[in-house]
Protein backbone atom coordinates (compact mmCIF):
# COMPACT_ATOMS: atom_id res chain seq x y z
CA UNK A 1 -66.46 62.65 -42.62
CA UNK A 2 -66.63 64.19 -39.17
CA UNK A 3 -70.02 64.61 -37.55
CA UNK A 4 -70.79 67.03 -34.68
CA UNK A 5 -74.13 66.49 -32.98
CA UNK A 6 -75.76 69.00 -30.62
CA UNK A 7 -79.09 69.90 -29.16
CA UNK A 8 -79.78 67.19 -26.55
CA UNK A 9 -80.92 67.91 -23.07
CA UNK A 10 -83.59 67.43 -20.44
CA UNK A 11 -87.20 68.05 -21.35
CA UNK A 12 -90.55 67.14 -19.79
CA UNK A 13 -92.91 64.70 -21.44
CA UNK A 14 -94.85 66.42 -24.17
CA UNK A 15 -92.05 68.89 -24.88
CA UNK A 16 -89.84 69.40 -27.90
CA UNK A 17 -86.17 69.41 -28.78
CA UNK A 18 -84.28 69.89 -31.98
CA UNK A 19 -81.06 68.02 -32.70
CA UNK A 20 -78.49 69.22 -35.13
CA UNK A 21 -75.65 67.34 -36.82
CA UNK A 22 -73.05 69.18 -38.86
CA UNK A 23 -70.85 67.22 -41.25
CA UNK A 24 -67.37 68.39 -42.18
CA UNK A 25 -64.35 67.02 -43.98
CA UNK A 26 -65.04 64.89 -47.03
CA UNK A 27 -68.64 65.64 -47.40
CA UNK A 28 -68.90 65.27 -51.14
CA UNK A 29 -70.78 62.12 -51.98
CA UNK A 30 -72.74 61.76 -48.76
CA UNK A 31 -76.02 60.21 -49.93
CA UNK A 32 -77.71 59.35 -46.70
CA UNK A 33 -77.78 60.89 -43.27
CA UNK A 34 -79.79 59.91 -40.25
CA UNK A 35 -80.33 59.60 -36.56
CA UNK A 36 -80.11 56.49 -34.41
CA UNK A 37 -80.62 56.17 -30.70
CA UNK A 38 -79.51 53.83 -27.96
CA UNK A 39 -81.38 53.61 -24.66
CA UNK A 40 -79.73 52.09 -21.55
CA UNK A 41 -79.53 48.31 -21.85
CA UNK A 42 -80.86 48.33 -25.39
CA UNK A 43 -79.46 48.04 -28.85
CA UNK A 44 -78.97 51.00 -31.15
CA UNK A 45 -82.00 51.58 -33.31
CA UNK A 46 -82.93 53.64 -36.29
CA UNK A 47 -84.87 56.80 -35.69
CA UNK A 48 -84.96 58.55 -39.03
CA UNK A 49 -83.03 58.89 -42.27
CA UNK A 50 -82.96 61.30 -45.17
CA UNK A 51 -81.39 60.83 -48.55
CA UNK A 52 -79.62 63.42 -50.60
CA UNK A 53 -82.75 63.63 -52.66
CA UNK A 54 -84.86 64.42 -49.64
CA UNK A 55 -86.61 61.07 -49.19
CA UNK A 56 -87.25 60.28 -45.53
CA UNK A 57 -87.86 57.20 -43.46
CA UNK A 58 -88.93 56.91 -39.87
CA UNK A 59 -89.18 54.31 -37.12
CA UNK A 60 -92.83 53.58 -36.43
CA UNK A 61 -92.36 54.68 -32.84
CA UNK A 62 -91.58 58.31 -33.87
CA UNK A 63 -93.80 58.75 -36.97
CA UNK A 64 -95.95 61.81 -36.63
CA UNK A 65 -93.84 63.21 -33.84
CA UNK A 66 -90.31 63.56 -35.26
CA UNK A 67 -89.21 65.28 -38.45
CA UNK A 68 -85.87 64.95 -40.08
CA UNK A 69 -84.62 67.59 -42.49
CA UNK A 70 -81.35 68.71 -44.01
CA UNK A 71 -79.70 71.91 -45.14
CA UNK A 72 -77.39 70.76 -47.93
CA UNK A 73 -75.63 74.14 -48.10
CA UNK A 74 -74.61 73.79 -44.46
CA UNK A 75 -74.09 69.98 -44.63
CA UNK A 76 -76.34 69.75 -41.58
CA UNK A 77 -79.15 67.44 -40.73
CA UNK A 78 -81.82 68.20 -38.11
CA UNK A 79 -84.21 66.14 -36.04
CA UNK A 80 -87.22 68.02 -34.71
CA UNK A 81 -88.69 66.00 -31.89
CA UNK A 82 -92.16 66.91 -30.64
CA UNK A 83 -94.53 65.26 -28.19
CA UNK A 84 -91.61 63.65 -26.49
CA UNK A 85 -92.17 60.63 -24.29
CA UNK A 86 -90.09 59.10 -21.48
CA UNK A 87 -89.38 56.18 -23.79
CA UNK A 88 -87.58 58.52 -26.17
CA UNK A 89 -84.85 58.90 -23.58
CA UNK A 90 -81.60 57.74 -25.17
CA UNK A 91 -78.30 58.84 -26.59
CA UNK A 92 -78.97 59.99 -30.05
CA UNK A 93 -76.25 59.40 -32.73
CA UNK A 94 -75.90 61.08 -36.09
CA UNK A 95 -74.87 58.93 -39.01
CA UNK A 96 -73.73 59.64 -42.58
CA UNK A 97 -73.14 57.25 -45.36
CA UNK A 98 -70.67 58.24 -48.09
CA UNK A 99 -69.77 55.82 -50.81
CA UNK A 100 -71.06 52.97 -48.69
CA UNK A 101 -68.88 54.01 -45.74
CA UNK A 102 -70.75 54.81 -42.52
CA UNK A 103 -69.58 57.49 -40.09
CA UNK A 104 -70.86 58.25 -36.67
CA UNK A 105 -71.06 61.35 -34.47
CA UNK A 106 -70.28 61.34 -30.77
CA UNK A 107 -73.90 61.19 -29.56
CA UNK A 108 -76.03 63.58 -27.62
CA UNK A 109 -78.17 62.66 -24.63
CA UNK A 110 -81.89 63.27 -24.66
CA UNK A 111 -83.69 62.76 -21.38
CA UNK A 112 -87.46 62.97 -21.18
CA UNK A 113 -88.95 63.22 -17.70
CA UNK A 114 -92.44 62.05 -16.90
């Protein structure tokens, strides 16, 4: 599975961004997709996940502000990020799990200025 993430950028606190992640290659059997992030000097952490059935899960820090969704026809997952805070600044990575094998995208930088 190849994952291509896009949509990062610089935004002021309180603003919004939408990340996209398109999966290609062997996409049959992907049962979980999600977003993780890694801030400078910190470990990579879960942001949100969505199953093939549409069930979602979020980190407590983003609940109520971020929304994950997917377009199965396009093999694409989205992360709508609203009310962004400076602490959301990180490289955001797309992830897909297919038959228990995890694949990662290249990461897209989100910078939130105060």
